[in-house]
């Protein structure tokens, strides 16, 4: 189940008549695969193979599919195959009898058998949530700069791994994706079949922030990208098997050569607490799911994941897989760049890398709902796809750049890059600065990130900068100063409703830097 679908909600679970189902992780001794490392075209796409060459990553035994004879032998015990991972050479099966473990352990090709879950079937749920905006969100990360240059994610492939996509196929905001054949694949790893667009609304909400496209109403962060809609969440349960479905989805993405993977899911505690994670053990590479994320990253995929909404709970910190070393973990702020208290914090005493890496607008976010209306919601689920869109536009603009280069540039463009912390990481990124960093191969020369938004404005504007702003001056088109403020803050909110409609020039000074921006007041 979605422990945090990365939006704030109230969730109630009701138990009905049910039965217990056991989940076993079976790890095999070896691959003994029918496939060969010398013929990767039999199990990897051409795009995936070419990316390995570009990243100088060899095809190895982890790429080989699991031996099908092993799987068939296990299934003959009347077990249900729930998930499989070629990278870890393991499968997850379900059954109703604890004695099955003893039988499995007699098989010579099986290395180990571990109970990873005991779940109760047939649970019901109900969800209550808030709703959210997009122009200000895009301006907050200055992605409009990239869009104006024509970088809208075109030819970039994005996978959304989520809980379901109800209403997606009949939602007018996604018409252009279907008309232009930009839904490249769908798959439900929980039910082992194509997505039926009725399972759950959360993925639709996330997808709208990326791919919705109705001019004058709502345009997403990557409206011209290609999409893969994947389900790894069992919405009726919260159990470890879901992590293995997510591993399956990651392997699928790698085999297909998908460029960007958005994960707005996270795991900490489970229905059966025996299998719950312990937060002080989540180092970033000691869990099979985080290892899989790091493997996918090493093979060239760019993974963006939500930090989680545990900031106000006893858990407090990022969960799995947001703690993975390689991934770009996204926390949440409001449009004034204030930390959203629900956003999960980093755990620097445990994690070897700073988490979250950056933030996006995750409080009072506008999005398109599954019924085709626009609403407002809260959560890091919705800051993550904003950043996934930004990443996709950078990949389109500079396709020769490696994922680590893009990640570093995004972090360097953050408004807190000079003083990152475990609440907002490097802060909210700026597309223009990240783009310039990548073009010039300069990851250390950023001195300012001065911007004013929304633009145009109804009178209330936000000014932000990397370095505390010392002084703000505003001039009209005649050069007459109409406003002045001395301050010492990185983020300033101004109410300019007293000014007449028209164009104005804002001059900001910090240390030895002076930056001018033009803004229109309606």
Protein backbone atom coordinates (compact mmCIF):
# COMPACT_ATOMS: atom_id res chain seq x y z
CA UNK A 1 0.00 0.00 0.00
CA UNK A 2 1.07 3.60 -0.33
CA UNK A 3 2.48 4.36 3.11
CA UNK A 4 3.02 7.86 1.89
CA UNK A 5 1.74 8.42 -1.61
CA UNK A 6 3.89 11.50 -1.02
CA UNK A 7 0.88 13.71 -0.51
CA UNK A 8 -0.76 14.58 2.77
CA UNK A 9 -3.88 12.57 3.31
CA UNK A 10 -5.99 10.82 5.88
CA UNK A 11 -6.17 7.08 5.38
CA UNK A 12 -8.29 4.50 7.17
CA UNK A 13 -7.91 0.75 6.87
CA UNK A 14 -10.67 -1.68 7.70
CA UNK A 15 -10.05 -5.40 8.09
CA UNK A 16 -12.56 -7.84 6.72
CA UNK A 17 -12.69 -11.61 6.52
CA UNK A 18 -9.26 -12.58 5.24
CA UNK A 19 -6.52 -15.16 5.08
CA UNK A 20 -2.78 -15.03 5.58
CA UNK A 21 -0.31 -15.12 2.69
CA UNK A 22 3.42 -15.74 3.15
CA UNK A 23 6.05 -14.07 0.98
CA UNK A 24 9.45 -15.74 0.55
CA UNK A 25 12.59 -14.25 -1.00
CA UNK A 26 14.41 -17.03 -2.88
CA UNK A 27 18.01 -16.33 -3.89
CA UNK A 28 19.65 -18.69 -6.39
CA UNK A 29 23.18 -20.06 -6.22
CA UNK A 30 24.07 -18.99 -9.77
CA UNK A 31 22.59 -17.79 -13.04
CA UNK A 32 23.31 -20.78 -15.36
CA UNK A 33 21.30 -18.69 -17.77
CA UNK A 34 20.15 -19.77 -21.21
CA UNK A 35 21.41 -16.39 -22.40
CA UNK A 36 24.96 -15.19 -22.99
CA UNK A 37 26.86 -12.05 -22.08
CA UNK A 38 28.20 -12.06 -25.64
CA UNK A 39 24.68 -11.69 -27.09
CA UNK A 40 23.07 -8.89 -25.03
CA UNK A 41 20.73 -7.94 -27.87
CA UNK A 42 18.62 -10.96 -26.86
CA UNK A 43 17.61 -9.36 -23.54
CA UNK A 44 18.60 -5.65 -23.68
CA UNK A 45 17.38 -2.96 -26.04
CA UNK A 46 19.79 -1.36 -28.50
CA UNK A 47 19.43 1.91 -26.60
CA UNK A 48 20.37 0.22 -23.32
CA UNK A 49 23.43 -1.45 -24.91
CA UNK A 50 24.61 1.81 -26.46
CA UNK A 51 24.25 3.57 -23.13
CA UNK A 52 26.43 0.91 -21.47
CA UNK A 53 29.10 1.62 -24.07
CA UNK A 54 28.84 5.36 -23.43
CA UNK A 55 29.12 4.87 -19.66
CA UNK A 56 31.83 2.20 -20.06
CA UNK A 57 29.76 -0.27 -18.05
CA UNK A 58 30.35 -3.87 -19.11
CA UNK A 59 27.55 -6.32 -19.74
CA UNK A 60 27.90 -8.83 -16.93
CA UNK A 61 26.09 -11.70 -15.25
CA UNK A 62 23.70 -9.36 -13.44
CA UNK A 63 22.19 -8.48 -16.82
CA UNK A 64 21.40 -12.10 -17.66
CA UNK A 65 17.78 -13.18 -17.09
CA UNK A 66 17.14 -15.61 -14.27
CA UNK A 67 17.29 -19.26 -15.32
CA UNK A 68 13.73 -20.12 -16.37
CA UNK A 69 14.19 -23.74 -15.28
CA UNK A 70 14.81 -22.53 -11.73
CA UNK A 71 11.61 -20.50 -11.78
CA UNK A 72 9.58 -23.35 -13.30
CA UNK A 73 10.85 -25.80 -10.68
CA UNK A 74 9.78 -23.49 -7.90
CA UNK A 75 6.37 -22.81 -9.47
CA UNK A 76 5.70 -26.55 -9.63
CA UNK A 77 5.30 -26.39 -5.85
CA UNK A 78 2.07 -24.45 -6.46
CA UNK A 79 3.73 -21.20 -5.49
CA UNK A 80 2.76 -17.86 -7.02
CA UNK A 81 5.56 -15.82 -8.54
CA UNK A 82 5.16 -12.28 -7.20
CA UNK A 83 8.36 -10.57 -8.34
CA UNK A 84 11.78 -11.33 -9.75
CA UNK A 85 15.14 -9.54 -9.94
CA UNK A 86 17.83 -10.53 -12.41
CA UNK A 87 20.22 -8.06 -10.78
CA UNK A 88 19.96 -9.80 -7.42
CA UNK A 89 19.32 -13.27 -8.96
CA UNK A 90 16.26 -13.79 -6.81
CA UNK A 91 12.50 -14.14 -6.91
CA UNK A 92 9.68 -13.53 -4.46
CA UNK A 93 6.94 -16.13 -4.21
CA UNK A 94 3.76 -16.35 -2.18
CA UNK A 95 2.05 -19.33 -0.57
CA UNK A 96 -0.20 -20.23 2.35
CA UNK A 97 1.98 -22.82 4.05
CA UNK A 98 5.05 -22.29 6.22
CA UNK A 99 6.27 -25.83 5.43
CA UNK A 100 7.06 -24.74 1.87
CA UNK A 101 10.28 -23.13 3.10
CA UNK A 102 11.66 -26.51 4.21
CA UNK A 103 10.99 -27.99 0.78
CA UNK A 104 12.60 -25.09 -1.05
CA UNK A 105 15.76 -25.37 1.04
CA UNK A 106 16.36 -28.90 -0.31
CA UNK A 107 16.84 -27.61 -3.87
CA UNK A 108 20.54 -27.53 -4.79
CA UNK A 109 20.24 -24.44 -7.00
CA UNK A 110 18.68 -22.36 -4.21
CA UNK A 111 21.14 -20.42 -2.06
CA UNK A 112 18.72 -19.13 0.57
CA UNK A 113 15.03 -18.80 1.44
CA UNK A 114 13.91 -15.87 3.59
CA UNK A 115 10.47 -14.96 4.89
CA UNK A 116 9.98 -11.29 4.03
CA UNK A 117 6.28 -10.80 4.62
CA UNK A 118 3.08 -12.21 6.03
CA UNK A 119 0.10 -10.26 4.80
CA UNK A 120 -3.62 -10.22 5.33
CA UNK A 121 -5.68 -10.13 2.16
CA UNK A 122 -8.87 -8.24 1.33
CA UNK A 123 -8.34 -4.92 3.08
CA UNK A 124 -10.34 -1.85 2.19
CA UNK A 125 -9.18 1.75 2.27
CA UNK A 126 -10.45 5.28 2.01
CA UNK A 127 -8.46 8.43 1.30
CA UNK A 128 -9.05 12.12 1.93
CA UNK A 129 -6.66 14.69 0.48
CA UNK A 130 -5.99 18.34 -0.33
CA UNK A 131 -5.41 19.93 -3.83
CA UNK A 132 -2.82 22.36 -5.88
CA UNK A 133 -1.00 25.32 -9.09
CA UNK A 134 1.52 25.22 -12.07
CA UNK A 135 2.67 28.52 -13.53
CA UNK A 136 4.22 29.65 -10.25
CA UNK A 137 5.72 26.19 -9.76
CA UNK A 138 7.43 26.26 -13.16
CA UNK A 139 8.69 29.78 -12.51
CA UNK A 140 9.98 28.74 -9.08
CA UNK A 141 12.49 26.43 -10.81
CA UNK A 142 12.86 28.79 -13.79
CA UNK A 143 11.86 26.00 -16.15
CA UNK A 144 10.04 28.51 -18.32
CA UNK A 145 13.52 29.56 -19.46
CA UNK A 146 14.10 26.07 -20.85
CA UNK A 147 10.64 25.84 -22.40
CA UNK A 148 11.19 29.16 -24.15
CA UNK A 149 14.31 27.66 -25.72
CA UNK A 150 12.24 24.75 -27.01
CA UNK A 151 13.33 22.23 -24.39
CA UNK A 152 10.12 20.50 -23.39
CA UNK A 153 11.35 16.93 -22.93
CA UNK A 154 10.99 16.00 -26.60
CA UNK A 155 12.33 12.48 -27.40
CA UNK A 156 13.21 11.92 -23.73
CA UNK A 157 11.64 8.81 -22.18
CA UNK A 158 10.25 9.10 -18.65
CA UNK A 159 8.99 6.22 -16.51
CA UNK A 160 6.49 6.98 -13.75
CA UNK A 161 6.51 4.15 -11.22
CA UNK A 162 3.48 4.56 -9.04
CA UNK A 163 0.27 3.12 -7.58
CA UNK A 164 -2.10 3.49 -10.51
CA UNK A 165 -3.33 5.77 -13.26
CA UNK A 166 -7.10 5.90 -12.90
CA UNK A 167 -8.86 8.11 -15.44
CA UNK A 168 -5.63 8.69 -17.37
CA UNK A 169 -6.82 7.27 -20.71
CA UNK A 170 -9.99 9.41 -20.76
CA UNK A 171 -8.49 12.61 -19.36
CA UNK A 172 -8.38 15.42 -21.94
CA UNK A 173 -5.17 16.79 -20.42
CA UNK A 174 -3.32 13.72 -21.74
CA UNK A 175 -4.86 13.67 -25.22
CA UNK A 176 -1.66 14.83 -26.89
CA UNK A 177 0.25 11.89 -25.43
CA UNK A 178 -2.08 9.38 -27.05
CA UNK A 179 -2.56 11.29 -30.32
CA UNK A 180 1.20 11.55 -30.83
CA UNK A 181 1.92 7.98 -29.67
CA UNK A 182 3.97 9.12 -26.68
CA UNK A 183 2.65 6.52 -24.23
CA UNK A 184 5.36 3.99 -25.06
CA UNK A 185 4.44 1.23 -22.60
CA UNK A 186 2.38 0.39 -19.52
CA UNK A 187 2.75 -2.46 -17.07
CA UNK A 188 1.35 -3.44 -13.69
CA UNK A 189 3.98 -5.48 -11.83
CA UNK A 190 1.54 -6.27 -9.02
CA UNK A 191 -1.02 -7.91 -11.30
CA UNK A 192 1.42 -8.88 -14.06
CA UNK A 193 -0.55 -7.32 -16.88
CA UNK A 194 -1.00 -4.07 -18.76
CA UNK A 195 -2.23 -1.04 -16.80
CA UNK A 196 -6.04 -0.83 -16.89
CA UNK A 197 -6.35 2.86 -15.85
CA UNK A 198 -8.70 2.11 -12.94
CA UNK A 199 -6.38 1.07 -10.12
CA UNK A 200 -5.61 4.34 -8.30
CA UNK A 201 -5.46 8.07 -8.94
CA UNK A 202 -2.06 8.90 -7.46
CA UNK A 203 -0.03 8.17 -10.59
CA UNK A 204 -2.42 10.29 -12.64
CA UNK A 205 -1.84 13.23 -10.29
CA UNK A 206 1.94 12.77 -10.60
CA UNK A 207 1.78 12.33 -14.39
CA UNK A 208 -0.21 15.54 -14.79
CA UNK A 209 2.59 17.62 -13.31
CA UNK A 210 4.85 16.16 -16.00
CA UNK A 211 2.76 15.55 -19.08
CA UNK A 212 -0.56 17.41 -18.92
CA UNK A 213 -0.92 19.72 -21.89
CA UNK A 214 -3.86 22.05 -22.47
CA UNK A 215 -2.74 25.53 -23.37
CA UNK A 216 -4.20 28.21 -21.12
CA UNK A 217 -5.26 25.70 -18.52
CA UNK A 218 -2.36 23.45 -17.47
CA UNK A 219 0.95 22.57 -19.11
CA UNK A 220 3.31 20.18 -17.34
CA UNK A 221 7.04 20.32 -16.88
CA UNK A 222 7.81 17.91 -19.76
CA UNK A 223 4.77 18.10 -22.07
CA UNK A 224 6.52 16.62 -25.12
CA UNK A 225 8.32 13.71 -23.47
CA UNK A 226 7.53 10.03 -24.03
CA UNK A 227 6.07 8.12 -21.11
CA UNK A 228 6.08 4.64 -19.59
CA UNK A 229 3.36 4.14 -16.96
CA UNK A 230 4.35 1.45 -14.47
CA UNK A 231 2.63 0.17 -11.31
CA UNK A 232 4.61 -1.36 -8.44
CA UNK A 233 2.28 -0.50 -5.53
CA UNK A 234 -0.33 -2.84 -4.08
CA UNK A 235 -2.82 -0.23 -2.89
CA UNK A 236 -4.47 -2.65 -0.45
CA UNK A 237 -1.33 -3.60 1.44
CA UNK A 238 1.84 -2.13 2.92
CA UNK A 239 4.35 -4.96 2.69
CA UNK A 240 7.88 -5.65 1.60
CA UNK A 241 6.80 -7.39 -1.60
CA UNK A 242 6.14 -3.91 -3.00
CA UNK A 243 9.85 -3.15 -2.84
CA UNK A 244 10.48 -6.13 -5.09
CA UNK A 245 7.83 -5.00 -7.55
CA UNK A 246 9.68 -1.70 -7.66
CA UNK A 247 12.95 -3.54 -8.32
CA UNK A 248 11.21 -5.31 -11.20
CA UNK A 249 10.11 -1.97 -12.58
CA UNK A 250 13.65 -0.58 -12.33
CA UNK A 251 15.04 -3.55 -14.22
CA UNK A 252 12.35 -3.07 -16.86
CA UNK A 253 13.39 0.56 -17.22
CA UNK A 254 17.04 -0.39 -17.61
CA UNK A 255 16.28 -3.02 -20.27
CA UNK A 256 14.18 -0.49 -22.20
CA UNK A 257 16.84 2.23 -21.95
CA UNK A 258 14.50 4.69 -20.25
CA UNK A 259 16.14 8.04 -19.51
CA UNK A 260 14.36 9.38 -16.40
CA UNK A 261 12.57 7.42 -13.66
CA UNK A 262 10.20 9.20 -11.28
CA UNK A 263 9.41 7.37 -8.03
CA UNK A 264 6.86 9.04 -5.75
CA UNK A 265 6.75 6.10 -3.33
CA UNK A 266 8.56 5.20 -0.13
CA UNK A 267 8.77 2.50 2.52
CA UNK A 268 9.53 2.52 6.22
CA UNK A 269 7.10 0.48 8.31
CA UNK A 270 4.90 -2.37 7.13
CA UNK A 271 1.57 -3.90 8.17
CA UNK A 272 3.59 -6.69 9.75
CA UNK A 273 6.09 -4.74 11.87
CA UNK A 274 8.49 -7.69 11.97
CA UNK A 275 9.62 -6.74 8.49
CA UNK A 276 9.69 -2.96 8.96
CA UNK A 277 12.84 -0.97 8.33
CA UNK A 278 14.92 0.57 11.11
CA UNK A 279 15.76 4.12 10.15
CA UNK A 280 19.24 4.15 11.64
CA UNK A 281 20.16 1.17 9.43
CA UNK A 282 19.22 2.87 6.14
CA UNK A 283 22.69 3.91 5.05
CA UNK A 284 21.92 4.36 1.36
CA UNK A 285 23.21 1.08 -0.09
CA UNK A 286 22.39 -1.72 2.33
CA UNK A 287 18.89 -2.64 1.13
CA UNK A 288 18.03 -4.53 -2.06
CA UNK A 289 15.80 -1.71 -3.32
CA UNK A 290 18.38 1.01 -2.72
CA UNK A 291 21.01 -1.22 -4.30
CA UNK A 292 18.77 -1.65 -7.33
CA UNK A 293 18.35 2.13 -7.59
CA UNK A 294 22.10 2.57 -7.42
CA UNK A 295 22.57 -0.15 -10.07
CA UNK A 296 20.05 1.50 -12.40
CA UNK A 297 21.84 4.81 -11.90
CA UNK A 298 25.24 3.25 -12.66
CA UNK A 299 23.77 1.96 -15.93
CA UNK A 300 22.79 5.46 -17.01
CA UNK A 301 19.21 6.03 -15.82
CA UNK A 302 18.44 9.27 -13.97
CA UNK A 303 16.29 8.48 -10.92
CA UNK A 304 14.25 11.15 -9.14
CA UNK A 305 12.45 10.14 -5.96
CA UNK A 306 10.26 11.88 -3.40
CA UNK A 307 11.77 12.43 0.03
CA UNK A 308 8.52 11.45 1.77
CA UNK A 309 6.01 13.11 4.06
CA UNK A 310 7.33 11.92 7.42
CA UNK A 311 8.68 15.26 8.62
CA UNK A 312 6.03 15.69 11.29
CA UNK A 313 5.90 12.02 12.33
CA UNK A 314 8.04 10.01 14.71
CA UNK A 315 9.91 8.54 11.71
CA UNK A 316 10.90 12.01 10.54
CA UNK A 317 13.55 11.14 7.94
CA UNK A 318 13.70 9.94 4.33
CA UNK A 319 12.74 6.34 3.66
CA UNK A 320 13.56 3.66 1.08
CA UNK A 321 14.43 4.35 -1.75
CA UNK A 322 14.84 8.10 -1.11
CA UNK A 323 17.90 7.27 1.00
CA UNK A 324 19.72 5.64 -1.96
CA UNK A 325 23.12 7.22 -2.51
CA UNK A 326 22.81 7.87 -6.23
CA UNK A 327 19.25 9.09 -6.69
CA UNK A 328 18.16 12.72 -6.73
CA UNK A 329 15.91 12.93 -3.67
CA UNK A 330 13.39 15.79 -3.69
CA UNK A 331 11.92 17.44 -0.60
CA UNK A 332 9.19 20.08 -0.47
CA UNK A 333 8.86 23.83 0.04
CA UNK A 334 6.03 26.28 -0.61
CA UNK A 335 6.13 28.85 -3.42
CA UNK A 336 7.87 31.28 -1.07
CA UNK A 337 10.67 28.70 -0.72
CA UNK A 338 9.81 28.02 2.91
CA UNK A 339 10.48 24.47 4.13
CA UNK A 340 7.28 22.41 4.26
CA UNK A 341 7.21 20.82 7.71
CA UNK A 342 5.77 17.54 6.41
CA UNK A 343 8.77 16.99 4.10
CA UNK A 344 11.04 14.18 5.33
CA UNK A 345 14.42 15.31 6.57
CA UNK A 346 17.81 13.83 5.86
CA UNK A 347 19.53 11.55 8.36
CA UNK A 348 23.16 12.75 8.20
CA UNK A 349 24.31 10.53 11.06
CA UNK A 350 23.44 7.49 8.90
CA UNK A 351 23.43 8.55 5.25
CA UNK A 352 26.80 9.02 3.60
CA UNK A 353 25.28 11.52 1.13
CA UNK A 354 23.19 14.63 1.78
CA UNK A 355 19.44 14.03 1.67
CA UNK A 356 17.25 15.47 0.39
CA UNK A 357 19.42 16.58 -2.51
CA UNK A 358 17.11 19.42 -3.54
CA UNK A 359 13.49 20.59 -3.17
CA UNK A 360 10.58 21.56 -5.39
CA UNK A 361 7.23 23.17 -4.65
CA UNK A 362 5.30 20.54 -2.72
CA UNK A 363 2.88 22.61 -0.67
CA UNK A 364 -0.35 23.85 -2.27
CA UNK A 365 0.53 22.32 -5.63
CA UNK A 366 -1.76 22.65 -8.62
CA UNK A 367 -2.30 19.41 -10.54
CA UNK A 368 -4.84 17.67 -12.74
CA UNK A 369 -7.04 15.15 -10.96
CA UNK A 370 -8.23 11.86 -12.37
CA UNK A 371 -11.67 13.34 -13.12
CA UNK A 372 -10.12 15.96 -15.42
CA UNK A 373 -10.46 18.90 -13.05
CA UNK A 374 -7.66 20.99 -11.56
CA UNK A 375 -7.10 20.76 -7.81
CA UNK A 376 -4.61 21.58 -5.06
CA UNK A 377 -2.62 19.05 -3.05
CA UNK A 378 0.39 18.77 -0.77
CA UNK A 379 3.34 16.41 -0.69
CA UNK A 380 6.75 15.47 -1.98
CA UNK A 381 5.07 13.21 -4.54
CA UNK A 382 4.33 16.39 -6.43
CA UNK A 383 7.64 18.18 -6.01
CA UNK A 384 9.39 15.12 -7.48
CA UNK A 385 7.76 15.21 -10.96
CA UNK A 386 8.50 18.94 -11.22
CA UNK A 387 12.18 18.06 -10.96
CA UNK A 388 11.84 15.01 -13.22
CA UNK A 389 10.53 17.39 -15.87
CA UNK A 390 13.45 19.76 -15.34
CA UNK A 391 15.87 16.82 -15.67
CA UNK A 392 14.17 15.70 -18.90
CA UNK A 393 14.46 19.16 -20.43
CA UNK A 394 18.18 19.28 -19.56
CA UNK A 395 18.68 15.86 -21.15
CA UNK A 396 16.96 17.08 -24.32
CA UNK A 397 19.10 20.22 -24.34
CA UNK A 398 22.41 18.44 -23.64
CA UNK A 399 22.01 14.73 -24.44
CA UNK A 400 25.75 14.08 -24.29
CA UNK A 401 25.87 14.83 -20.56
CA UNK A 402 25.99 11.93 -18.09
CA UNK A 403 23.45 11.58 -15.30
CA UNK A 404 25.97 12.48 -12.60
CA UNK A 405 26.91 15.68 -14.46
CA UNK A 406 23.27 16.74 -14.68
CA UNK A 407 22.70 15.90 -11.02
CA UNK A 408 25.71 17.94 -9.96
CA UNK A 409 24.61 20.91 -12.08
CA UNK A 410 21.10 20.80 -10.61
CA UNK A 411 22.49 20.75 -7.08
CA UNK A 412 24.88 23.60 -7.91
CA UNK A 413 21.96 25.65 -9.20
CA UNK A 414 20.02 25.34 -5.94
CA UNK A 415 19.36 28.47 -3.91
CA UNK A 416 21.06 26.85 -0.87
CA UNK A 417 24.00 25.36 -2.74
CA UNK A 418 26.40 27.50 -0.71
CA UNK A 419 24.98 26.21 2.58
CA UNK A 420 23.04 22.95 2.06
CA UNK A 421 21.26 21.30 4.98
CA UNK A 422 19.18 18.23 5.85
CA UNK A 423 15.86 20.07 5.47
CA UNK A 424 16.04 21.34 1.88
CA UNK A 425 19.39 19.99 0.69
CA UNK A 426 20.85 22.33 -1.94
CA UNK A 427 17.52 24.15 -2.13
CA UNK A 428 15.28 24.80 -5.12
CA UNK A 429 17.08 24.52 -8.48
CA UNK A 430 17.18 26.98 -11.36
CA UNK A 431 17.03 25.54 -14.90
CA UNK A 432 18.88 28.46 -16.47
CA UNK A 433 21.82 28.18 -14.10
CA UNK A 434 22.00 24.37 -14.38
CA UNK A 435 21.89 24.71 -18.17
CA UNK A 436 24.73 27.26 -18.18
CA UNK A 437 26.79 25.12 -15.81
CA UNK A 438 26.46 22.13 -18.12
CA UNK A 439 27.18 24.12 -21.27
CA UNK A 440 30.30 25.67 -19.77
CA UNK A 441 31.42 22.68 -17.70
CA UNK A 442 31.67 24.99 -14.70
CA UNK A 443 30.35 23.41 -11.52
CA UNK A 444 31.93 25.82 -9.05
CA UNK A 445 31.56 29.27 -10.57
CA UNK A 446 27.98 30.00 -9.59
CA UNK A 447 27.78 33.19 -7.53
CA UNK A 448 24.14 34.18 -7.73
CA UNK A 449 20.68 32.83 -8.39
CA UNK A 450 18.72 36.06 -8.29
CA UNK A 451 15.17 35.67 -9.56
CA UNK A 452 11.73 37.23 -9.12
CA UNK A 453 8.44 35.41 -9.65
CA UNK A 454 5.63 34.95 -10.50
CA UNK A 455 6.15 37.01 -13.63
CA UNK A 456 3.83 38.58 -14.64
CA UNK A 457 2.49 39.28 -11.16
CA UNK A 458 -0.71 40.58 -9.63
CA UNK A 459 1.38 42.63 -7.22
CA UNK A 460 2.83 40.05 -4.84
CA UNK A 461 6.26 38.76 -5.84
CA UNK A 462 8.97 36.58 -4.35
CA UNK A 463 12.65 37.37 -4.77
CA UNK A 464 15.25 34.72 -4.01
CA UNK A 465 19.03 34.33 -4.25
CA UNK A 466 21.79 31.93 -3.23
CA UNK A 467 23.44 34.58 -1.12
CA UNK A 468 21.57 36.87 1.30
CA UNK A 469 20.25 39.91 -0.54
CA UNK A 470 21.53 43.18 0.95
CA UNK A 471 19.37 45.67 -0.92
CA UNK A 472 16.40 45.73 -3.30
CA UNK A 473 15.56 48.67 -5.57
CA UNK A 474 12.68 48.86 -8.05
CA UNK A 475 12.52 51.32 -10.96
CA UNK A 476 9.82 52.15 -13.49
CA UNK A 477 10.50 52.47 -17.23
CA UNK A 478 11.44 56.15 -16.75
CA UNK A 479 14.24 55.22 -14.35
CA UNK A 480 12.42 56.58 -11.29
CA UNK A 481 12.92 54.56 -8.11
CA UNK A 482 9.53 53.46 -6.81
CA UNK A 483 10.58 51.06 -4.06
CA UNK A 484 13.66 50.39 -1.90
CA UNK A 485 14.40 47.87 0.84
CA UNK A 486 17.48 47.01 2.89
CA UNK A 487 17.52 43.43 4.05
CA UNK A 488 19.73 40.41 4.73
CA UNK A 489 17.70 37.46 3.54
CA UNK A 490 17.87 34.82 0.80
CA UNK A 491 14.12 34.99 0.17
CA UNK A 492 11.94 38.11 0.27
CA UNK A 493 8.22 38.51 -0.30
CA UNK A 494 7.09 41.91 -1.59
CA UNK A 495 3.60 43.38 -1.83
CA UNK A 496 3.65 45.85 -4.73
CA UNK A 497 -0.08 46.34 -5.10
CA UNK A 498 0.41 50.08 -4.65
CA UNK A 499 2.26 50.25 -7.99
CA UNK A 500 0.44 50.90 -11.26
CA UNK A 501 0.25 48.17 -13.90
CA UNK A 502 3.26 48.06 -16.21
CA UNK A 503 6.91 47.05 -16.56
CA UNK A 504 9.42 47.50 -13.73
CA UNK A 505 13.08 46.75 -13.22
CA UNK A 506 14.26 45.12 -9.98
CA UNK A 507 17.88 45.57 -8.92
CA UNK A 508 19.22 43.21 -6.29
CA UNK A 509 22.57 43.55 -4.55
CA UNK A 510 24.41 40.86 -2.59
CA UNK A 511 28.08 41.03 -1.68
CA UNK A 512 29.80 42.28 -4.84
CA UNK A 513 27.10 41.13 -7.23
CA UNK A 514 24.37 43.23 -8.81
CA UNK A 515 21.58 41.59 -10.80
CA UNK A 516 18.68 43.19 -12.67
CA UNK A 517 15.46 41.50 -13.68
CA UNK A 518 12.41 42.81 -15.50
CA UNK A 519 8.93 42.11 -14.14
CA UNK A 520 5.43 42.94 -15.31
CA UNK A 521 2.72 43.94 -12.84
CA UNK A 522 -0.82 43.35 -14.06
